[in-house]
Amino acid sequence: MDQKNEQKAPLRIKDLAELKRCIRPGTELVATSHSKHPALVGLVRVVTEVQTNAYYSCLLYTSDAAD
């Protein structure tokens, strides 16, 4: 069974505690809405490092890059 070929179901994170439980290195985060910065919607970030009080991520690609 090849894990890369499997489709992962997206999670709907409701609060900070749930985010802390779910986040792991390699997790992809996608902004689906943002009330103050609409330019951030569609950005895909990949978590690179997780600490107890923070996580670090890098930009994977944007939805505009596919054009």
PDB file of N, CA and C in Angstrom:
ATOM      1  N   MET A   1       0.845  -1.174   0.000  1.00  0.00           N
ATOM      2  CA  MET A   1       0.000   0.000   0.000  1.00  0.00           C
ATOM      3  C   MET A   1       0.895   1.242   0.000  1.00  0.00           C
ATOM      4  N   ASP A   2       0.797   2.052  -1.041  1.00  0.00           N
ATOM      5  CA  ASP A   2       1.609   3.258  -1.162  1.00  0.00           C
ATOM      6  C   ASP A   2       0.863   4.432  -0.553  1.00  0.00           C
ATOM      7  N   GLN A   3       1.425   5.009   0.484  1.00  0.00           N
ATOM      8  CA  GLN A   3       0.747   6.062   1.236  1.00  0.00           C
ATOM      9  C   GLN A   3       0.657   7.358   0.436  1.00  0.00           C
ATOM     10  N   LYS A   4       1.591   7.617  -0.485  1.00  0.00           N
ATOM     11  CA  LYS A   4       1.564   8.851  -1.256  1.00  0.00           C
ATOM     12  C   LYS A   4       0.408   8.880  -2.247  1.00  0.00           C
ATOM     13  N   ASN A   5      -0.047   7.728  -2.704  1.00  0.00           N
ATOM     14  CA  ASN A   5      -1.137   7.673  -3.669  1.00  0.00           C
ATOM     15  C   ASN A   5      -2.509   7.785  -3.027  1.00  0.00           C
ATOM     16  N   GLU A   6      -2.576   7.617  -1.723  1.00  0.00           N
ATOM     17  CA  GLU A   6      -3.859   7.701  -1.034  1.00  0.00           C
ATOM     18  C   GLU A   6      -4.280   9.154  -0.881  1.00  0.00           C
ATOM     19  N   GLN A   7      -5.567   9.418  -1.058  1.00  0.00           N
ATOM     20  CA  GLN A   7      -6.098  10.763  -0.848  1.00  0.00           C
ATOM     21  C   GLN A   7      -6.448  10.919   0.623  1.00  0.00           C
ATOM     22  N   LYS A   8      -5.959  11.999   1.215  1.00  0.00           N
ATOM     23  CA  LYS A   8      -6.272  12.279   2.606  1.00  0.00           C
ATOM     24  C   LYS A   8      -7.475  13.198   2.658  1.00  0.00           C
ATOM     25  N   ALA A   9      -8.403  12.892   3.541  1.00  0.00           N
ATOM     26  CA  ALA A   9      -9.583  13.726   3.699  1.00  0.00           C
ATOM     27  C   ALA A   9      -9.211  15.004   4.447  1.00  0.00           C
ATOM     28  N   PRO A  10      -9.680  16.162   3.984  1.00  0.00           N
ATOM     29  CA  PRO A  10      -9.356  17.407   4.693  1.00  0.00           C
ATOM     30  C   PRO A  10     -10.039  17.463   6.051  1.00  0.00           C
ATOM     31  N   LEU A  11      -9.345  18.063   7.001  1.00  0.00           N
ATOM     32  CA  LEU A  11      -9.893  18.238   8.346  1.00  0.00           C
ATOM     33  C   LEU A  11     -10.438  19.650   8.481  1.00  0.00           C
ATOM     34  N   ARG A  12     -11.489  19.799   9.224  1.00  0.00           N
ATOM     35  CA  ARG A  12     -12.031  21.113   9.530  1.00  0.00           C
ATOM     36  C   ARG A  12     -11.662  21.402  10.974  1.00  0.00           C
ATOM     37  N   ILE A  13     -10.689  22.287  11.169  1.00  0.00           N
ATOM     38  CA  ILE A  13     -10.189  22.634  12.497  1.00  0.00           C
ATOM     39  C   ILE A  13     -11.092  23.691  13.100  1.00  0.00           C
ATOM     40  N   LYS A  14     -11.603  23.426  14.303  1.00  0.00           N
ATOM     41  CA  LYS A  14     -12.556  24.338  14.930  1.00  0.00           C
ATOM     42  C   LYS A  14     -11.914  25.293  15.917  1.00  0.00           C
ATOM     43  N   ASP A  15     -10.829  24.875  16.577  1.00  0.00           N
ATOM     44  CA  ASP A  15     -10.205  25.742  17.573  1.00  0.00           C
ATOM     45  C   ASP A  15      -8.722  25.429  17.687  1.00  0.00           C
ATOM     46  N   LEU A  16      -8.020  26.222  18.479  1.00  0.00           N
ATOM     47  CA  LEU A  16      -6.574  26.097  18.611  1.00  0.00           C
ATOM     48  C   LEU A  16      -6.161  24.758  19.220  1.00  0.00           C
ATOM     49  N   ALA A  17      -6.921  24.258  20.177  1.00  0.00           N
ATOM     50  CA  ALA A  17      -6.589  22.978  20.803  1.00  0.00           C
ATOM     51  C   ALA A  17      -6.636  21.843  19.778  1.00  0.00           C
ATOM     52  N   GLU A  18      -7.614  21.862  18.908  1.00  0.00           N
ATOM     53  CA  GLU A  18      -7.718  20.827  17.879  1.00  0.00           C
ATOM     54  C   GLU A  18      -6.579  20.943  16.867  1.00  0.00           C
ATOM     55  N   LEU A  19      -6.190  22.158  16.535  1.00  0.00           N
ATOM     56  CA  LEU A  19      -5.062  22.365  15.634  1.00  0.00           C
ATOM     57  C   LEU A  19      -3.786  21.788  16.221  1.00  0.00           C
ATOM     58  N   LYS A  20      -3.553  22.025  17.503  1.00  0.00           N
ATOM     59  CA  LYS A  20      -2.347  21.520  18.160  1.00  0.00           C
ATOM     60  C   LYS A  20      -2.310  19.993  18.179  1.00  0.00           C
ATOM     61  N   ARG A  21      -3.467  19.347  18.294  1.00  0.00           N
ATOM     62  CA  ARG A  21      -3.512  17.882  18.298  1.00  0.00           C
ATOM     63  C   ARG A  21      -3.264  17.305  16.911  1.00  0.00           C
ATOM     64  N   CYS A  22      -3.677  18.007  15.867  1.00  0.00           N
ATOM     65  CA  CYS A  22      -3.632  17.462  14.508  1.00  0.00           C
ATOM     66  C   CYS A  22      -2.352  17.767  13.745  1.00  0.00           C
ATOM     67  N   ILE A  23      -1.655  18.810  14.123  1.00  0.00           N
ATOM     68  CA  ILE A  23      -0.536  19.273  13.300  1.00  0.00           C
ATOM     69  C   ILE A  23       0.708  18.409  13.506  1.00  0.00           C
ATOM     70  N   ARG A  24       1.324  18.031  12.394  1.00  0.00           N
ATOM     71  CA  ARG A  24       2.540  17.220  12.367  1.00  0.00           C
ATOM     72  C   ARG A  24       3.413  17.735  11.224  1.00  0.00           C
ATOM     73  N   PRO A  25       4.715  17.496  11.252  1.00  0.00           N
ATOM     74  CA  PRO A  25       5.549  17.876  10.101  1.00  0.00           C
ATOM     75  C   PRO A  25       5.051  17.186   8.832  1.00  0.00           C
ATOM     76  N   GLY A  26       4.978  17.950   7.760  1.00  0.00           N
ATOM     77  CA  GLY A  26       4.470  17.428   6.489  1.00  0.00           C
ATOM     78  C   GLY A  26       3.008  17.741   6.256  1.00  0.00           C
ATOM     79  N   THR A  27       2.313  18.233   7.274  1.00  0.00           N
ATOM     80  CA  THR A  27       0.905  18.577   7.139  1.00  0.00           C
ATOM     81  C   THR A  27       0.759  19.785   6.220  1.00  0.00           C
ATOM     82  N   GLU A  28      -0.181  19.719   5.281  1.00  0.00           N
ATOM     83  CA  GLU A  28      -0.460  20.844   4.398  1.00  0.00           C
ATOM     84  C   GLU A  28      -1.611  21.649   4.966  1.00  0.00           C
ATOM     85  N   LEU A  29      -1.421  22.963   5.043  1.00  0.00           N
ATOM     86  CA  LEU A  29      -2.443  23.873   5.534  1.00  0.00           C
ATOM     87  C   LEU A  29      -2.905  24.754   4.383  1.00  0.00           C
ATOM     88  N   VAL A  30      -4.212  24.858   4.191  1.00  0.00           N
ATOM     89  CA  VAL A  30      -4.785  25.683   3.129  1.00  0.00           C
ATOM     90  C   VAL A  30      -5.729  26.686   3.761  1.00  0.00           C
ATOM     91  N   ALA A  31      -5.538  27.959   3.461  1.00  0.00           N
ATOM     92  CA  ALA A  31      -6.436  29.006   3.944  1.00  0.00           C
ATOM     93  C   ALA A  31      -7.680  29.010   3.057  1.00  0.00           C
ATOM     94  N   THR A  32      -8.826  28.706   3.636  1.00  0.00           N
ATOM     95  CA  THR A  32     -10.068  28.673   2.858  1.00  0.00           C
ATOM     96  C   THR A  32     -10.843  29.973   2.929  1.00  0.00           C
ATOM     97  N   SER A  33     -10.619  30.765   3.983  1.00  0.00           N
ATOM     98  CA  SER A  33     -11.248  32.078   4.085  1.00  0.00           C
ATOM     99  C   SER A  33     -10.436  32.937   5.045  1.00  0.00           C
ATOM    100  N   HIS A  34     -10.524  34.243   4.832  1.00  0.00           N
ATOM    101  CA  HIS A  34      -9.845  35.184   5.715  1.00  0.00           C
ATOM    102  C   HIS A  34     -10.570  36.514   5.601  1.00  0.00           C
ATOM    103  N   SER A  35     -11.071  37.027   6.721  1.00  0.00           N
ATOM    104  CA  SER A  35     -11.889  38.235   6.678  1.00  0.00           C
ATOM    105  C   SER A  35     -11.070  39.505   6.488  1.00  0.00           C
ATOM    106  N   LYS A  36      -9.835  39.535   6.962  1.00  0.00           N
ATOM    107  CA  LYS A  36      -9.041  40.764   6.892  1.00  0.00           C
ATOM    108  C   LYS A  36      -8.016  40.767   5.759  1.00  0.00           C
ATOM    109  N   HIS A  37      -7.572  39.595   5.328  1.00  0.00           N
ATOM    110  CA  HIS A  37      -6.557  39.497   4.276  1.00  0.00           C
ATOM    111  C   HIS A  37      -7.021  38.496   3.217  1.00  0.00           C
ATOM    112  N   PRO A  38      -7.905  38.892   2.317  1.00  0.00           N
ATOM    113  CA  PRO A  38      -8.415  37.938   1.321  1.00  0.00           C
ATOM    114  C   PRO A  38      -7.350  37.426   0.352  1.00  0.00           C
ATOM    115  N   ALA A  39      -6.209  38.100   0.244  1.00  0.00           N
ATOM    116  CA  ALA A  39      -5.144  37.624  -0.639  1.00  0.00           C
ATOM    117  C   ALA A  39      -4.519  36.327  -0.128  1.00  0.00           C
ATOM    118  N   LEU A  40      -4.708  36.012   1.150  1.00  0.00           N
ATOM    119  CA  LEU A  40      -4.149  34.785   1.722  1.00  0.00           C
ATOM    120  C   LEU A  40      -4.966  33.544   1.399  1.00  0.00           C
ATOM    121  N   VAL A  41      -6.198  33.718   0.928  1.00  0.00           N
ATOM    122  CA  VAL A  41      -7.064  32.577   0.621  1.00  0.00           C
ATOM    123  C   VAL A  41      -6.458  31.790  -0.538  1.00  0.00           C
ATOM    124  N   GLY A  42      -6.350  30.498  -0.364  1.00  0.00           N
ATOM    125  CA  GLY A  42      -5.805  29.618  -1.389  1.00  0.00           C
ATOM    126  C   GLY A  42      -4.332  29.302  -1.211  1.00  0.00           C
ATOM    127  N   LEU A  43      -3.642  29.967  -0.298  1.00  0.00           N
ATOM    128  CA  LEU A  43      -2.237  29.659  -0.062  1.00  0.00           C
ATOM    129  C   LEU A  43      -2.098  28.286   0.585  1.00  0.00           C
ATOM    130  N   VAL A  44      -1.139  27.521   0.116  1.00  0.00           N
ATOM    131  CA  VAL A  44      -0.872  26.197   0.675  1.00  0.00           C
ATOM    132  C   VAL A  44       0.482  26.247   1.358  1.00  0.00           C
ATOM    133  N   ARG A  45       0.507  25.917   2.639  1.00  0.00           N
ATOM    134  CA  ARG A  45       1.745  25.904   3.414  1.00  0.00           C
ATOM    135  C   ARG A  45       1.968  24.495   3.937  1.00  0.00           C
ATOM    136  N   VAL A  46       3.237  24.097   4.050  1.00  0.00           N
ATOM    137  CA  VAL A  46       3.604  22.777   4.561  1.00  0.00           C
ATOM    138  C   VAL A  46       4.349  22.977   5.870  1.00  0.00           C
ATOM    139  N   VAL A  47       3.915  22.278   6.911  1.00  0.00           N
ATOM    140  CA  VAL A  47       4.537  22.377   8.225  1.00  0.00           C
ATOM    141  C   VAL A  47       5.893  21.693   8.175  1.00  0.00           C
ATOM    142  N   THR A  48       6.929  22.418   8.621  1.00  0.00           N
ATOM    143  CA  THR A  48       8.284  21.865   8.603  1.00  0.00           C
ATOM    144  C   THR A  48       8.774  21.461   9.983  1.00  0.00           C
ATOM    145  N   GLU A  49       8.342  22.180  11.028  1.00  0.00           N
ATOM    146  CA  GLU A  49       8.793  21.886  12.387  1.00  0.00           C
ATOM    147  C   GLU A  49       7.674  22.225  13.361  1.00  0.00           C
ATOM    148  N   VAL A  50       7.511  21.387  14.391  1.00  0.00           N
ATOM    149  CA  VAL A  50       6.476  21.604  15.403  1.00  0.00           C
ATOM    150  C   VAL A  50       7.133  21.674  16.767  1.00  0.00           C
ATOM    151  N   GLN A  51       6.770  22.703  17.536  1.00  0.00           N
ATOM    152  CA  GLN A  51       7.197  22.834  18.916  1.00  0.00           C
ATOM    153  C   GLN A  51       5.954  22.887  19.791  1.00  0.00           C
ATOM    154  N   THR A  52       6.138  22.939  21.100  1.00  0.00           N
ATOM    155  CA  THR A  52       4.969  22.950  21.988  1.00  0.00           C
ATOM    156  C   THR A  52       4.173  24.235  21.887  1.00  0.00           C
ATOM    157  N   ASN A  53       4.819  25.335  21.527  1.00  0.00           N
ATOM    158  CA  ASN A  53       4.122  26.614  21.488  1.00  0.00           C
ATOM    159  C   ASN A  53       4.079  27.241  20.096  1.00  0.00           C
ATOM    160  N   ALA A  54       4.605  26.557  19.083  1.00  0.00           N
ATOM    161  CA  ALA A  54       4.641  27.131  17.742  1.00  0.00           C
ATOM    162  C   ALA A  54       4.851  26.044  16.701  1.00  0.00           C
ATOM    163  N   TYR A  55       4.610  26.418  15.449  1.00  0.00           N
ATOM    164  CA  TYR A  55       4.982  25.563  14.332  1.00  0.00           C
ATOM    165  C   TYR A  55       5.547  26.443  13.233  1.00  0.00           C
ATOM    166  N   TYR A  56       6.417  25.875  12.416  1.00  0.00           N
ATOM    167  CA  TYR A  56       7.028  26.584  11.311  1.00  0.00           C
ATOM    168  C   TYR A  56       6.566  25.939  10.023  1.00  0.00           C
ATOM    169  N   SER A  57       6.315  26.777   9.028  1.00  0.00           N
ATOM    170  CA  SER A  57       5.846  26.259   7.745  1.00  0.00           C
ATOM    171  C   SER A  57       6.476  27.047   6.618  1.00  0.00           C
ATOM    172  N   CYS A  58       6.471  26.458   5.424  1.00  0.00           N
ATOM    173  CA  CYS A  58       6.952  27.147   4.235  1.00  0.00           C
ATOM    174  C   CYS A  58       5.850  27.112   3.182  1.00  0.00           C
ATOM    175  N   LEU A  59       5.906  28.067   2.296  1.00  0.00           N
ATOM    176  CA  LEU A  59       4.910  28.197   1.247  1.00  0.00           C
ATOM    177  C   LEU A  59       5.141  27.131   0.193  1.00  0.00           C
ATOM    178  N   LEU A  60       4.122  26.333  -0.095  1.00  0.00           N
ATOM    179  CA  LEU A  60       4.245  25.282  -1.094  1.00  0.00           C
ATOM    180  C   LEU A  60       3.963  25.847  -2.480  1.00  0.00           C
ATOM    181  N   TYR A  61       2.785  26.380  -2.681  1.00  0.00           N
ATOM    182  CA  TYR A  61       2.401  27.022  -3.945  1.00  0.00           C
ATOM    183  C   TYR A  61       1.138  27.820  -3.693  1.00  0.00           C
ATOM    184  N   THR A  62       0.775  28.646  -4.649  1.00  0.00           N
ATOM    185  CA  THR A  62      -0.464  29.413  -4.557  1.00  0.00           C
ATOM    186  C   THR A  62      -1.415  28.943  -5.625  1.00  0.00           C
ATOM    187  N   SER A  63      -2.671  29.258  -5.473  1.00  0.00           N
ATOM    188  CA  SER A  63      -3.669  28.861  -6.476  1.00  0.00           C
ATOM    189  C   SER A  63      -3.440  29.625  -7.773  1.00  0.00           C
ATOM    190  N   ASP A  64      -2.821  30.823  -7.731  1.00  0.00           N
ATOM    191  CA  ASP A  64      -2.539  31.605  -8.938  1.00  0.00           C
ATOM    192  C   ASP A  64      -1.403  31.009  -9.739  1.00  0.00           C
ATOM    193  N   ALA A  65      -0.520  30.249  -9.111  1.00  0.00           N
ATOM    194  CA  ALA A  65       0.634  29.671  -9.788  1.00  0.00           C
ATOM    195  C   ALA A  65       0.225  28.586 -10.788  1.00  0.00           C
ATOM    196  N   ALA A  66      -0.970  28.042 -10.647  1.00  0.00           N
ATOM    197  CA  ALA A  66      -1.430  26.974 -11.525  1.00  0.00           C
ATOM    198  C   ALA A  66      -1.834  27.514 -12.894  1.00  0.00           C
ATOM    199  N   ASP A  67      -2.019  28.821 -13.012  1.00  0.00           N
ATOM    200  CA  ASP A  67      -2.462  29.417 -14.290  1.00  0.00           C
ATOM    201  C   ASP A  67      -1.379  29.386 -15.327  1.00  0.00           C
TER     202      ASP A  67
END
